[in-house]
């Protein structure tokens, strides 16, 4: 994501970071043996968290309401939180 990004913004508002992390922590799996979303994600936004030597990359597909935690190859559904994520991403871009 970093090599193809169109722009980068450092997030300084800690509340935005906390709100995004809450959504990731309570997310439900988008794909499992029992169910899967009928949509192929096209990732339009990414957030990279760095702490110490660790990096976590979260890719957002607003069209499918799926986020992917890149390093864990984990896909989470965020249908219920879609508008909240859209607002947070817009807040970052201000």
C-alpha atoms as a PDB file:
ATOM      1  CA  UNK A   1       0.000   0.000   0.000  1.00  0.00           C
ATOM      2  CA  UNK A   2       2.743   2.496   0.780  1.00  0.00           C
ATOM      3  CA  UNK A   3       4.415   2.111  -2.591  1.00  0.00           C
ATOM      4  CA  UNK A   4       1.203   2.835  -4.535  1.00  0.00           C
ATOM      5  CA  UNK A   5      -0.418   5.398  -2.256  1.00  0.00           C
ATOM      6  CA  UNK A   6      -1.620   8.628  -3.787  1.00  0.00           C
ATOM      7  CA  UNK A   7      -1.093  10.582  -0.591  1.00  0.00           C
ATOM      8  CA  UNK A   8      -0.054  10.000   3.009  1.00  0.00           C
ATOM      9  CA  UNK A   9      -1.346  11.765   6.092  1.00  0.00           C
ATOM     10  CA  UNK A  10      -0.055  11.295   9.616  1.00  0.00           C
ATOM     11  CA  UNK A  11      -2.995  10.882  12.008  1.00  0.00           C
ATOM     12  CA  UNK A  12      -2.516  13.171  14.979  1.00  0.00           C
ATOM     13  CA  UNK A  13      -5.986  12.862  16.492  1.00  0.00           C
ATOM     14  CA  UNK A  14      -5.707   9.989  18.965  1.00  0.00           C
ATOM     15  CA  UNK A  15      -9.506   9.668  19.195  1.00  0.00           C
ATOM     16  CA  UNK A  16      -9.702   8.721  15.512  1.00  0.00           C
ATOM     17  CA  UNK A  17      -7.075   6.037  16.065  1.00  0.00           C
ATOM     18  CA  UNK A  18      -8.948   4.665  19.088  1.00  0.00           C
ATOM     19  CA  UNK A  19     -12.267   4.639  17.211  1.00  0.00           C
ATOM     20  CA  UNK A  20     -10.737   2.718  14.300  1.00  0.00           C
ATOM     21  CA  UNK A  21      -9.093   0.199  16.632  1.00  0.00           C
ATOM     22  CA  UNK A  22     -12.430  -0.389  18.405  1.00  0.00           C
ATOM     23  CA  UNK A  23     -14.057  -1.277  15.089  1.00  0.00           C
ATOM     24  CA  UNK A  24     -11.252  -3.719  14.276  1.00  0.00           C
ATOM     25  CA  UNK A  25     -11.486  -5.362  17.705  1.00  0.00           C
ATOM     26  CA  UNK A  26     -15.222  -6.075  17.459  1.00  0.00           C
ATOM     27  CA  UNK A  27     -15.281  -6.973  13.764  1.00  0.00           C
ATOM     28  CA  UNK A  28     -16.869 -10.204  12.572  1.00  0.00           C
ATOM     29  CA  UNK A  29     -15.296 -12.406   9.931  1.00  0.00           C
ATOM     30  CA  UNK A  30     -16.317 -11.547   6.375  1.00  0.00           C
ATOM     31  CA  UNK A  31     -15.494 -15.025   5.099  1.00  0.00           C
ATOM     32  CA  UNK A  32     -15.880 -18.367   6.853  1.00  0.00           C
ATOM     33  CA  UNK A  33     -16.962 -21.903   6.075  1.00  0.00           C
ATOM     34  CA  UNK A  34     -20.543 -20.997   7.003  1.00  0.00           C
ATOM     35  CA  UNK A  35     -20.831 -17.711   5.136  1.00  0.00           C
ATOM     36  CA  UNK A  36     -19.077 -15.334   2.823  1.00  0.00           C
ATOM     37  CA  UNK A  37     -19.806 -11.928   1.362  1.00  0.00           C
ATOM     38  CA  UNK A  38     -20.798 -11.905  -2.285  1.00  0.00           C
ATOM     39  CA  UNK A  39     -18.430  -9.122  -3.157  1.00  0.00           C
ATOM     40  CA  UNK A  40     -14.785  -8.891  -4.196  1.00  0.00           C
ATOM     41  CA  UNK A  41     -13.148  -6.088  -2.243  1.00  0.00           C
ATOM     42  CA  UNK A  42     -11.533  -3.156  -4.026  1.00  0.00           C
ATOM     43  CA  UNK A  43      -9.448  -1.391  -1.403  1.00  0.00           C
ATOM     44  CA  UNK A  44      -9.697   2.376  -1.593  1.00  0.00           C
ATOM     45  CA  UNK A  45      -8.062   3.365   1.705  1.00  0.00           C
ATOM     46  CA  UNK A  46      -5.360   2.023   3.979  1.00  0.00           C
ATOM     47  CA  UNK A  47      -4.141   2.882   7.432  1.00  0.00           C
ATOM     48  CA  UNK A  48      -0.762   1.763   8.668  1.00  0.00           C
ATOM     49  CA  UNK A  49      -0.213   1.538  12.412  1.00  0.00           C
ATOM     50  CA  UNK A  50       3.354   1.520  13.686  1.00  0.00           C
ATOM     51  CA  UNK A  51       4.360   0.856  17.257  1.00  0.00           C
ATOM     52  CA  UNK A  52       7.910   0.022  18.144  1.00  0.00           C
ATOM     53  CA  UNK A  53       9.130  -2.338  15.442  1.00  0.00           C
ATOM     54  CA  UNK A  54       5.648  -3.662  14.641  1.00  0.00           C
ATOM     55  CA  UNK A  55       3.517  -2.627  11.683  1.00  0.00           C
ATOM     56  CA  UNK A  56      -0.160  -3.354  11.023  1.00  0.00           C
ATOM     57  CA  UNK A  57      -1.728  -2.446   7.699  1.00  0.00           C
ATOM     58  CA  UNK A  58      -5.508  -2.191   7.485  1.00  0.00           C
ATOM     59  CA  UNK A  59      -7.035  -2.008   4.010  1.00  0.00           C
ATOM     60  CA  UNK A  60     -10.581  -0.682   3.617  1.00  0.00           C
ATOM     61  CA  UNK A  61     -13.066  -1.635   0.902  1.00  0.00           C
ATOM     62  CA  UNK A  62     -16.001   0.699   1.410  1.00  0.00           C
ATOM     63  CA  UNK A  63     -17.828  -0.785  -1.570  1.00  0.00           C
ATOM     64  CA  UNK A  64     -17.929  -4.243   0.073  1.00  0.00           C
ATOM     65  CA  UNK A  65     -17.763  -3.148   3.731  1.00  0.00           C
ATOM     66  CA  UNK A  66     -14.698  -5.316   4.264  1.00  0.00           C
ATOM     67  CA  UNK A  67     -11.441  -4.475   5.921  1.00  0.00           C
ATOM     68  CA  UNK A  68      -8.329  -6.597   5.632  1.00  0.00           C
ATOM     69  CA  UNK A  69      -5.600  -6.784   8.221  1.00  0.00           C
ATOM     70  CA  UNK A  70      -2.764  -7.382   5.794  1.00  0.00           C
ATOM     71  CA  UNK A  71      -0.147  -8.994   8.041  1.00  0.00           C
ATOM     72  CA  UNK A  72      -2.640 -11.536   9.440  1.00  0.00           C
ATOM     73  CA  UNK A  73      -4.494 -12.094   6.140  1.00  0.00           C
ATOM     74  CA  UNK A  74      -7.695 -11.499   8.125  1.00  0.00           C
ATOM     75  CA  UNK A  75     -10.878 -10.156   6.512  1.00  0.00           C
ATOM     76  CA  UNK A  76     -13.497  -8.465   8.690  1.00  0.00           C
ATOM     77  CA  UNK A  77     -17.024  -7.349   7.872  1.00  0.00           C
ATOM     78  CA  UNK A  78     -18.013  -3.810   8.857  1.00  0.00           C
ATOM     79  CA  UNK A  79     -21.529  -3.436   7.443  1.00  0.00           C
ATOM     80  CA  UNK A  80     -22.819  -1.905  10.681  1.00  0.00           C
ATOM     81  CA  UNK A  81     -19.848   0.438  11.049  1.00  0.00           C
ATOM     82  CA  UNK A  82     -19.598   1.542   7.398  1.00  0.00           C
ATOM     83  CA  UNK A  83     -20.816   5.110   7.908  1.00  0.00           C
ATOM     84  CA  UNK A  84     -18.692   5.515  11.026  1.00  0.00           C
ATOM     85  CA  UNK A  85     -15.587   4.381   9.105  1.00  0.00           C
ATOM     86  CA  UNK A  86     -16.442   6.661   6.197  1.00  0.00           C
ATOM     87  CA  UNK A  87     -16.717   9.618   8.614  1.00  0.00           C
ATOM     88  CA  UNK A  88     -13.420   8.728  10.322  1.00  0.00           C
ATOM     89  CA  UNK A  89     -11.591   8.450   6.992  1.00  0.00           C
ATOM     90  CA  UNK A  90     -13.037  11.805   5.905  1.00  0.00           C
ATOM     91  CA  UNK A  91     -11.991  13.318   9.228  1.00  0.00           C
ATOM     92  CA  UNK A  92      -8.417  12.143   8.614  1.00  0.00           C
ATOM     93  CA  UNK A  93      -8.400  13.774   5.180  1.00  0.00           C
ATOM     94  CA  UNK A  94      -9.473  17.202   6.510  1.00  0.00           C
END
